[in-house]
């Protein structure tokens, strides 16, 4: 091969390496954005599921079905704890505090419902308000 041919081959190899590196970087940066979006959607899913469980518990309390209300409030607490774990990795302290407050309120409502006390409506309402604050 002549020097000219080596230069052409070298330029082609360099172009391929640069194209692969650029493609990898572009895909990597897009993947990080997609991961952040997915984490945000999972967080919203946990919060919405907790909210729906608390609303179901409130209906159960009105119907005097304390066993089902207790179960729904336990499930809501589990979803809120999962959301709190996700928020621990984010710098947003206000949202994390709102979720922690919702956990405490849901737990208090669960304890009252287990005691067959309709006063569980109050803590359930507070938990819903805290979830609303966390959702922004």
N, C-alpha and C. Protein backbone atom coordinates (compact mmCIF):
# COMPACT_ATOMS: atom_id res chain seq x y z
N UNK A 1 0.83 -1.18 0.00
CA UNK A 1 0.00 0.00 0.00
C UNK A 1 0.88 1.24 0.00
N UNK A 2 0.37 2.22 -0.66
CA UNK A 2 1.11 3.48 -0.71
C UNK A 2 0.73 4.34 0.48
N UNK A 3 1.48 5.38 0.66
CA UNK A 3 1.24 6.30 1.76
C UNK A 3 -0.13 6.94 1.62
N UNK A 4 -0.51 7.24 0.42
CA UNK A 4 -1.82 7.85 0.19
C UNK A 4 -2.94 6.91 0.60
N UNK A 5 -2.82 5.62 0.27
CA UNK A 5 -3.84 4.64 0.63
C UNK A 5 -3.92 4.47 2.16
N UNK A 6 -2.76 4.50 2.82
CA UNK A 6 -2.75 4.40 4.28
C UNK A 6 -3.46 5.60 4.92
N UNK A 7 -3.28 6.76 4.35
CA UNK A 7 -3.94 7.95 4.87
C UNK A 7 -5.46 7.83 4.70
N UNK A 8 -5.92 7.31 3.60
CA UNK A 8 -7.36 7.15 3.36
C UNK A 8 -7.94 6.12 4.34
N UNK A 9 -7.24 5.00 4.51
CA UNK A 9 -7.69 3.97 5.45
C UNK A 9 -7.71 4.54 6.88
N UNK A 10 -6.68 5.26 7.25
CA UNK A 10 -6.61 5.86 8.59
C UNK A 10 -7.74 6.86 8.81
N UNK A 11 -8.03 7.68 7.81
CA UNK A 11 -9.12 8.64 7.93
C UNK A 11 -10.46 7.94 8.05
N UNK A 12 -10.65 6.85 7.31
CA UNK A 12 -11.91 6.10 7.38
C UNK A 12 -12.07 5.45 8.76
N UNK A 13 -10.99 4.86 9.28
CA UNK A 13 -11.05 4.24 10.61
C UNK A 13 -11.34 5.31 11.66
N UNK A 14 -10.69 6.45 11.58
CA UNK A 14 -10.92 7.54 12.52
C UNK A 14 -12.37 8.02 12.45
N UNK A 15 -12.91 8.13 11.24
CA UNK A 15 -14.30 8.57 11.07
C UNK A 15 -15.26 7.56 11.71
N UNK A 16 -15.01 6.27 11.53
CA UNK A 16 -15.87 5.24 12.12
C UNK A 16 -15.79 5.29 13.65
N UNK A 17 -14.57 5.42 14.20
CA UNK A 17 -14.39 5.48 15.65
C UNK A 17 -15.12 6.70 16.21
N UNK A 18 -14.98 7.85 15.57
CA UNK A 18 -15.65 9.05 16.03
C UNK A 18 -17.18 8.91 15.95
N UNK A 19 -17.68 8.30 14.89
CA UNK A 19 -19.12 8.10 14.74
C UNK A 19 -19.66 7.18 15.82
N UNK A 20 -18.93 6.10 16.12
CA UNK A 20 -19.36 5.17 17.16
C UNK A 20 -19.34 5.87 18.52
N UNK A 21 -18.29 6.63 18.80
CA UNK A 21 -18.19 7.33 20.08
C UNK A 21 -19.31 8.35 20.22
N UNK A 22 -19.58 9.09 19.16
CA UNK A 22 -20.66 10.09 19.20
C UNK A 22 -22.01 9.41 19.41
N UNK A 23 -22.25 8.29 18.73
CA UNK A 23 -23.50 7.56 18.89
C UNK A 23 -23.66 7.01 20.29
N UNK A 24 -22.58 6.49 20.85
CA UNK A 24 -22.64 5.97 22.21
C UNK A 24 -22.96 7.08 23.20
N UNK A 25 -22.30 8.23 23.06
CA UNK A 25 -22.54 9.35 23.96
C UNK A 25 -23.97 9.86 23.84
N UNK A 26 -24.45 9.95 22.62
CA UNK A 26 -25.81 10.42 22.38
C UNK A 26 -26.81 9.45 23.02
N UNK A 27 -26.63 8.17 22.84
CA UNK A 27 -27.51 7.18 23.44
C UNK A 27 -27.42 7.18 24.96
N UNK A 28 -26.23 7.35 25.51
CA UNK A 28 -26.03 7.37 26.95
C UNK A 28 -26.76 8.56 27.56
N UNK A 29 -26.62 9.73 26.95
CA UNK A 29 -27.28 10.91 27.52
C UNK A 29 -28.80 10.80 27.40
N UNK A 30 -29.30 10.24 26.33
CA UNK A 30 -30.74 10.04 26.18
C UNK A 30 -31.27 9.00 27.14
N UNK A 31 -30.47 7.99 27.42
CA UNK A 31 -30.87 6.94 28.36
C UNK A 31 -31.01 7.48 29.77
N UNK A 32 -30.12 8.37 30.15
CA UNK A 32 -30.19 8.97 31.49
C UNK A 32 -31.47 9.78 31.63
N UNK A 33 -31.83 10.50 30.58
CA UNK A 33 -33.07 11.28 30.61
C UNK A 33 -34.27 10.34 30.74
N UNK A 34 -34.25 9.26 29.99
CA UNK A 34 -35.35 8.30 30.05
C UNK A 34 -35.44 7.65 31.43
N UNK A 35 -34.30 7.37 32.05
CA UNK A 35 -34.30 6.78 33.39
C UNK A 35 -34.90 7.75 34.41
N UNK A 36 -34.58 9.04 34.29
CA UNK A 36 -35.15 10.04 35.20
C UNK A 36 -36.66 10.14 35.01
N UNK A 37 -37.10 10.12 33.76
CA UNK A 37 -38.53 10.18 33.47
C UNK A 37 -39.25 8.95 34.03
N UNK A 38 -38.64 7.78 33.88
CA UNK A 38 -39.23 6.56 34.39
C UNK A 38 -39.33 6.59 35.91
N UNK A 39 -38.29 7.07 36.57
CA UNK A 39 -38.32 7.17 38.03
C UNK A 39 -39.42 8.13 38.47
N UNK A 40 -39.60 9.23 37.77
CA UNK A 40 -40.67 10.17 38.09
C UNK A 40 -42.05 9.55 37.91
N UNK A 41 -42.20 8.76 36.87
CA UNK A 41 -43.48 8.10 36.64
C UNK A 41 -43.76 7.04 37.70
N UNK A 42 -42.72 6.32 38.11
CA UNK A 42 -42.90 5.33 39.17
C UNK A 42 -43.30 6.00 40.49
N UNK A 43 -42.68 7.13 40.78
CA UNK A 43 -43.02 7.87 41.98
C UNK A 43 -44.49 8.31 41.93
N UNK A 44 -44.91 8.87 40.81
CA UNK A 44 -46.31 9.29 40.67
C UNK A 44 -47.26 8.11 40.80
N UNK A 45 -46.85 6.96 40.26
CA UNK A 45 -47.67 5.76 40.37
C UNK A 45 -47.86 5.36 41.84
N UNK A 46 -46.78 5.36 42.61
CA UNK A 46 -46.88 5.02 44.02
C UNK A 46 -47.79 6.00 44.76
N UNK A 47 -47.63 7.29 44.48
CA UNK A 47 -48.45 8.29 45.15
C UNK A 47 -49.92 8.17 44.76
N UNK A 48 -50.20 7.94 43.49
CA UNK A 48 -51.59 7.80 43.05
C UNK A 48 -52.22 6.53 43.62
N UNK A 49 -51.44 5.45 43.68
CA UNK A 49 -51.96 4.22 44.24
C UNK A 49 -52.26 4.39 45.73
N UNK A 50 -51.37 5.07 46.44
CA UNK A 50 -51.61 5.33 47.87
C UNK A 50 -52.86 6.19 48.04
N UNK A 51 -53.00 7.19 47.20
CA UNK A 51 -54.17 8.07 47.28
C UNK A 51 -55.46 7.28 47.04
N UNK A 52 -55.46 6.42 46.04
CA UNK A 52 -56.67 5.64 45.75
C UNK A 52 -56.98 4.68 46.90
N UNK A 53 -55.96 4.12 47.53
CA UNK A 53 -56.19 3.22 48.67
C UNK A 53 -56.78 3.99 49.86
N UNK A 54 -56.29 5.20 50.08
CA UNK A 54 -56.82 6.00 51.19
C UNK A 54 -58.27 6.41 50.91
N UNK A 55 -58.55 6.76 49.67
CA UNK A 55 -59.94 7.10 49.32
C UNK A 55 -60.85 5.89 49.50
N UNK A 56 -60.37 4.71 49.12
CA UNK A 56 -61.16 3.49 49.31
C UNK A 56 -61.36 3.22 50.81
N UNK A 57 -60.33 3.49 51.60
CA UNK A 57 -60.46 3.31 53.05
C UNK A 57 -61.50 4.26 53.62
N UNK A 58 -61.54 5.48 53.12
CA UNK A 58 -62.54 6.44 53.61
C UNK A 58 -63.95 5.96 53.30
N UNK A 59 -64.15 5.40 52.11
CA UNK A 59 -65.46 4.84 51.77
C UNK A 59 -65.78 3.68 52.72
N UNK A 60 -64.78 2.84 52.98
CA UNK A 60 -64.99 1.73 53.91
C UNK A 60 -65.36 2.23 55.30
N UNK A 61 -64.75 3.31 55.73
CA UNK A 61 -65.07 3.87 57.05
C UNK A 61 -66.51 4.38 57.10
N UNK A 62 -66.96 5.00 56.01
CA UNK A 62 -68.35 5.46 55.97
C UNK A 62 -69.31 4.28 56.02
N UNK A 63 -68.91 3.17 55.41
CA UNK A 63 -69.76 1.97 55.39
C UNK A 63 -69.59 1.12 56.65
N UNK A 64 -68.75 1.58 57.56
CA UNK A 64 -68.45 0.87 58.81
C UNK A 64 -67.78 -0.48 58.56
N UNK A 65 -67.02 -0.57 57.49
CA UNK A 65 -66.26 -1.77 57.15
C UNK A 65 -64.81 -1.53 57.59
N UNK A 66 -64.56 -1.64 58.87
CA UNK A 66 -63.27 -1.27 59.44
C UNK A 66 -62.15 -2.24 59.04
N UNK A 67 -62.47 -3.49 58.81
CA UNK A 67 -61.46 -4.45 58.38
C UNK A 67 -60.88 -4.10 57.02
N UNK A 68 -61.76 -3.80 56.08
CA UNK A 68 -61.31 -3.41 54.74
C UNK A 68 -60.58 -2.06 54.78
N UNK A 69 -61.06 -1.15 55.61
CA UNK A 69 -60.39 0.15 55.74
C UNK A 69 -58.98 -0.03 56.27
N UNK A 70 -58.81 -0.91 57.25
CA UNK A 70 -57.48 -1.17 57.81
C UNK A 70 -56.56 -1.74 56.74
N UNK A 71 -57.06 -2.68 55.96
CA UNK A 71 -56.26 -3.28 54.89
C UNK A 71 -55.85 -2.24 53.86
N UNK A 72 -56.80 -1.40 53.44
CA UNK A 72 -56.49 -0.37 52.46
C UNK A 72 -55.47 0.62 53.01
N UNK A 73 -55.58 0.97 54.27
CA UNK A 73 -54.62 1.91 54.86
C UNK A 73 -53.23 1.28 55.00
N UNK A 74 -53.16 -0.01 55.26
CA UNK A 74 -51.86 -0.70 55.30
C UNK A 74 -51.21 -0.69 53.92
N UNK A 75 -52.01 -0.95 52.90
CA UNK A 75 -51.49 -0.94 51.53
C UNK A 75 -51.04 0.48 51.13
N UNK A 76 -51.81 1.47 51.53
CA UNK A 76 -51.44 2.86 51.23
C UNK A 76 -50.12 3.21 51.90
N UNK A 77 -49.95 2.78 53.12
CA UNK A 77 -48.70 3.04 53.84
C UNK A 77 -47.52 2.39 53.12
N UNK A 78 -47.71 1.17 52.65
CA UNK A 78 -46.63 0.48 51.92
C UNK A 78 -46.25 1.25 50.65
N UNK A 79 -47.25 1.76 49.92
CA UNK A 79 -46.97 2.54 48.70
C UNK A 79 -46.25 3.84 49.04
N UNK A 80 -46.68 4.46 50.14
CA UNK A 80 -46.04 5.71 50.55
C UNK A 80 -44.59 5.48 50.99
N UNK A 81 -44.33 4.36 51.64
CA UNK A 81 -42.96 4.05 52.04
C UNK A 81 -42.08 3.81 50.81
N UNK A 82 -42.64 3.18 49.78
CA UNK A 82 -41.89 3.00 48.54
C UNK A 82 -41.58 4.36 47.90
N UNK A 83 -42.56 5.26 47.92
CA UNK A 83 -42.35 6.61 47.37
C UNK A 83 -41.31 7.36 48.18
N UNK A 84 -41.34 7.20 49.50
CA UNK A 84 -40.36 7.88 50.36
C UNK A 84 -38.96 7.37 50.05
N UNK A 85 -38.83 6.08 49.81
CA UNK A 85 -37.53 5.53 49.45
C UNK A 85 -37.01 6.11 48.14
N UNK A 86 -37.89 6.34 47.20
CA UNK A 86 -37.48 6.95 45.93
C UNK A 86 -37.09 8.41 46.15
N UNK A 87 -37.81 9.11 47.01
CA UNK A 87 -37.52 10.52 47.24
C UNK A 87 -36.24 10.72 48.06
N UNK A 88 -35.81 9.69 48.78
CA UNK A 88 -34.57 9.80 49.55
C UNK A 88 -33.37 10.01 48.63
N UNK A 89 -33.51 9.58 47.37
CA UNK A 89 -32.42 9.73 46.40
C UNK A 89 -32.45 11.08 45.68
N UNK A 90 -33.48 11.88 45.96
CA UNK A 90 -33.62 13.19 45.31
C UNK A 90 -33.36 14.31 46.32
N UNK A 91 -32.94 15.46 45.83
CA UNK A 91 -32.64 16.56 46.76
C UNK A 91 -33.87 17.35 47.22
N UNK A 92 -35.07 16.94 46.82
CA UNK A 92 -36.29 17.68 47.13
C UNK A 92 -36.81 17.32 48.52
N UNK A 93 -36.36 18.06 49.53
CA UNK A 93 -36.71 17.75 50.92
C UNK A 93 -38.18 18.03 51.22
N UNK A 94 -38.77 18.99 50.54
CA UNK A 94 -40.17 19.35 50.81
C UNK A 94 -41.10 18.20 50.43
N UNK A 95 -40.88 17.61 49.28
CA UNK A 95 -41.71 16.47 48.85
C UNK A 95 -41.50 15.28 49.77
N UNK A 96 -40.26 15.03 50.15
CA UNK A 96 -39.96 13.90 51.04
C UNK A 96 -40.65 14.10 52.39
N UNK A 97 -40.64 15.33 52.90
CA UNK A 97 -41.30 15.62 54.18
C UNK A 97 -42.81 15.42 54.07
N UNK A 98 -43.39 15.79 52.94
CA UNK A 98 -44.82 15.60 52.74
C UNK A 98 -45.18 14.12 52.72
N UNK A 99 -44.35 13.32 52.08
CA UNK A 99 -44.63 11.87 52.03
C UNK A 99 -44.45 11.26 53.41
N UNK A 100 -43.43 11.67 54.14
CA UNK A 100 -43.23 11.15 55.51
C UNK A 100 -44.43 11.52 56.40
N UNK A 101 -44.94 12.73 56.25
CA UNK A 101 -46.11 13.15 57.01
C UNK A 101 -47.33 12.31 56.62
N UNK A 102 -47.47 12.01 55.33
CA UNK A 102 -48.58 11.17 54.87
C UNK A 102 -48.48 9.76 55.44
N UNK A 103 -47.25 9.26 55.57
CA UNK A 103 -47.05 7.92 56.16
C UNK A 103 -47.54 7.92 57.60
N UNK A 104 -47.14 8.95 58.35
CA UNK A 104 -47.57 9.02 59.76
C UNK A 104 -49.09 9.12 59.87
N UNK A 105 -49.70 9.95 59.02
CA UNK A 105 -51.15 10.12 59.07
C UNK A 105 -51.87 8.82 58.67
N UNK A 106 -51.38 8.14 57.65
CA UNK A 106 -52.00 6.88 57.22
C UNK A 106 -51.86 5.82 58.31
N UNK A 107 -50.72 5.80 58.98
CA UNK A 107 -50.53 4.84 60.06
C UNK A 107 -51.47 5.14 61.24
N UNK A 108 -51.63 6.42 61.54
CA UNK A 108 -52.55 6.80 62.62
C UNK A 108 -53.99 6.42 62.24
N UNK A 109 -54.36 6.66 60.99
CA UNK A 109 -55.71 6.30 60.54
C UNK A 109 -55.89 4.78 60.61
N UNK A 110 -54.86 4.03 60.26
CA UNK A 110 -54.94 2.57 60.32
C UNK A 110 -55.14 2.09 61.75
N UNK A 111 -54.40 2.68 62.68
CA UNK A 111 -54.55 2.29 64.09
C UNK A 111 -55.96 2.58 64.60
N UNK A 112 -56.49 3.74 64.24
CA UNK A 112 -57.85 4.08 64.67
C UNK A 112 -58.90 3.17 64.03
N UNK A 113 -58.69 2.85 62.76
CA UNK A 113 -59.64 1.96 62.08
C UNK A 113 -59.59 0.56 62.69
N UNK A 114 -58.39 0.13 63.09
CA UNK A 114 -58.27 -1.18 63.74
C UNK A 114 -58.98 -1.20 65.09
N UNK A 115 -59.13 -0.03 65.69
CA UNK A 115 -59.86 0.08 66.97
C UNK A 115 -61.35 0.34 66.75
N UNK A 116 -61.80 0.25 65.50
CA UNK A 116 -63.19 0.48 65.12
C UNK A 116 -63.62 1.88 65.54
N UNK A 117 -62.82 2.87 65.14
CA UNK A 117 -63.07 4.26 65.49
C UNK A 117 -63.18 5.08 64.21
N UNK A 118 -64.34 5.71 64.00
CA UNK A 118 -64.53 6.49 62.78
C UNK A 118 -63.71 7.78 62.78
N UNK A 119 -63.05 8.10 63.87
CA UNK A 119 -62.16 9.26 63.89
C UNK A 119 -60.98 9.06 62.96
N UNK A 120 -60.86 7.89 62.38
CA UNK A 120 -59.79 7.62 61.40
C UNK A 120 -59.95 8.49 60.16
N UNK A 121 -61.12 9.08 59.97
CA UNK A 121 -61.34 9.96 58.82
C UNK A 121 -60.39 11.15 58.84
N UNK A 122 -60.16 11.71 60.03
CA UNK A 122 -59.29 12.90 60.15
C UNK A 122 -57.87 12.63 59.67
N UNK A 123 -57.20 11.63 60.22
CA UNK A 123 -55.85 11.34 59.73
C UNK A 123 -55.83 10.94 58.25
N UNK A 124 -56.89 10.27 57.80
CA UNK A 124 -56.95 9.90 56.38
C UNK A 124 -57.01 11.17 55.52
N UNK A 125 -57.78 12.16 55.96
CA UNK A 125 -57.85 13.43 55.24
C UNK A 125 -56.48 14.12 55.22
N UNK A 126 -55.78 14.09 56.35
CA UNK A 126 -54.44 14.70 56.41
C UNK A 126 -53.48 13.98 55.47
N UNK A 127 -53.59 12.66 55.41
CA UNK A 127 -52.72 11.89 54.51
C UNK A 127 -52.99 12.28 53.05
N UNK A 128 -54.26 12.45 52.71
CA UNK A 128 -54.59 12.87 51.34
C UNK A 128 -54.03 14.25 51.03
N UNK A 129 -54.12 15.16 51.98
CA UNK A 129 -53.58 16.51 51.76
C UNK A 129 -52.06 16.47 51.60
N UNK A 130 -51.41 15.62 52.39
CA UNK A 130 -49.95 15.50 52.28
C UNK A 130 -49.54 14.89 50.94
N UNK A 131 -50.30 13.92 50.48
CA UNK A 131 -50.02 13.34 49.16
C UNK A 131 -50.18 14.39 48.08
N UNK A 132 -51.22 15.20 48.21
CA UNK A 132 -51.44 16.29 47.24
C UNK A 132 -50.24 17.23 47.21
N UNK A 133 -49.72 17.56 48.39
CA UNK A 133 -48.53 18.42 48.46
C UNK A 133 -47.32 17.76 47.81
N UNK A 134 -47.18 16.46 47.99
CA UNK A 134 -46.04 15.73 47.43
C UNK A 134 -46.13 15.64 45.91
N UNK A 135 -47.33 15.62 45.39
CA UNK A 135 -47.50 15.52 43.94
C UNK A 135 -47.27 16.84 43.23
N UNK A 136 -47.42 17.91 43.92
CA UNK A 136 -47.28 19.27 43.37
C UNK A 136 -48.18 19.44 42.20
